[in-house]
Amino acid sequence: MAYKITDACISCGACEAECPVSCISAGEDKYVINPDECIECGACANVCPVDAPVQD
């Protein structure tokens, strides 16, 4: 299951910088993960200060 970013996102960008496949980008209100490119490594979840990335 690919990760998704919940509404808890504070747009800090920590997840984008950590993603090894660059599938995270800034969205309108929060960061978003492209589920087709996500390799489900959990790197984004490990660095998020508010636990916004969760498995879909």
Protein backbone atom coordinates (compact mmCIF):
# COMPACT_ATOMS: atom_id res chain seq x y z
CA MET A 1 0.00 0.00 0.00
CA ALA A 2 1.36 3.37 -1.01
CA TYR A 3 1.58 6.15 1.53
CA LYS A 4 -0.70 9.18 1.53
CA ILE A 5 -0.45 12.43 3.45
CA THR A 6 -3.32 13.29 5.76
CA ASP A 7 -4.76 16.70 6.60
CA ALA A 8 -2.44 16.79 9.62
CA CYS A 9 0.32 17.96 7.24
CA ILE A 10 1.89 21.28 8.24
CA SER A 11 3.73 21.68 4.90
CA CYS A 12 7.20 21.63 6.46
CA GLY A 13 8.75 19.75 3.52
CA ALA A 14 10.66 17.20 5.59
CA CYS A 15 9.00 14.32 3.74
CA GLU A 16 9.80 15.67 0.28
CA ALA A 17 13.48 15.98 1.09
CA GLU A 18 13.63 12.43 2.50
CA CYS A 19 11.81 10.57 -0.31
CA PRO A 20 14.33 8.40 -2.23
CA VAL A 21 12.17 8.32 -5.40
CA SER A 22 11.02 11.95 -5.37
CA CYS A 23 7.31 11.10 -5.47
CA ILE A 24 6.32 13.79 -2.94
CA SER A 25 5.48 17.32 -4.02
CA ALA A 26 3.87 20.43 -2.59
CA GLY A 27 0.14 20.51 -3.13
CA GLU A 28 -2.34 23.32 -2.62
CA ASP A 29 -2.87 22.85 1.12
CA LYS A 30 -0.47 20.03 1.97
CA TYR A 31 2.19 17.83 0.43
CA VAL A 32 1.01 14.97 -1.77
CA ILE A 33 2.44 11.58 -2.68
CA ASN A 34 2.14 10.11 -6.16
CA PRO A 35 0.86 6.59 -5.35
CA ASP A 36 2.12 5.19 -8.67
CA GLU A 37 5.71 6.14 -7.81
CA CYS A 38 5.67 5.42 -4.04
CA ILE A 39 7.84 2.43 -3.11
CA GLU A 40 6.29 2.16 0.36
CA CYS A 41 9.61 2.60 2.16
CA GLY A 42 8.21 4.72 5.00
CA ALA A 43 11.04 7.28 4.90
CA CYS A 44 8.49 10.11 4.80
CA ALA A 45 6.64 8.80 7.84
CA ASN A 46 9.88 8.45 9.79
CA VAL A 47 10.78 12.14 9.46
CA CYS A 48 7.34 13.76 9.71
CA PRO A 49 6.94 15.76 12.95
CA VAL A 50 3.13 15.36 12.92
CA ASP A 51 2.79 11.78 11.58
CA ALA A 52 0.91 12.95 8.48
CA PRO A 53 2.10 10.23 6.04
CA VAL A 54 0.17 6.99 6.56
CA GLN A 55 -0.23 3.84 4.52
CA ASP A 56 -3.28 4.08 2.29
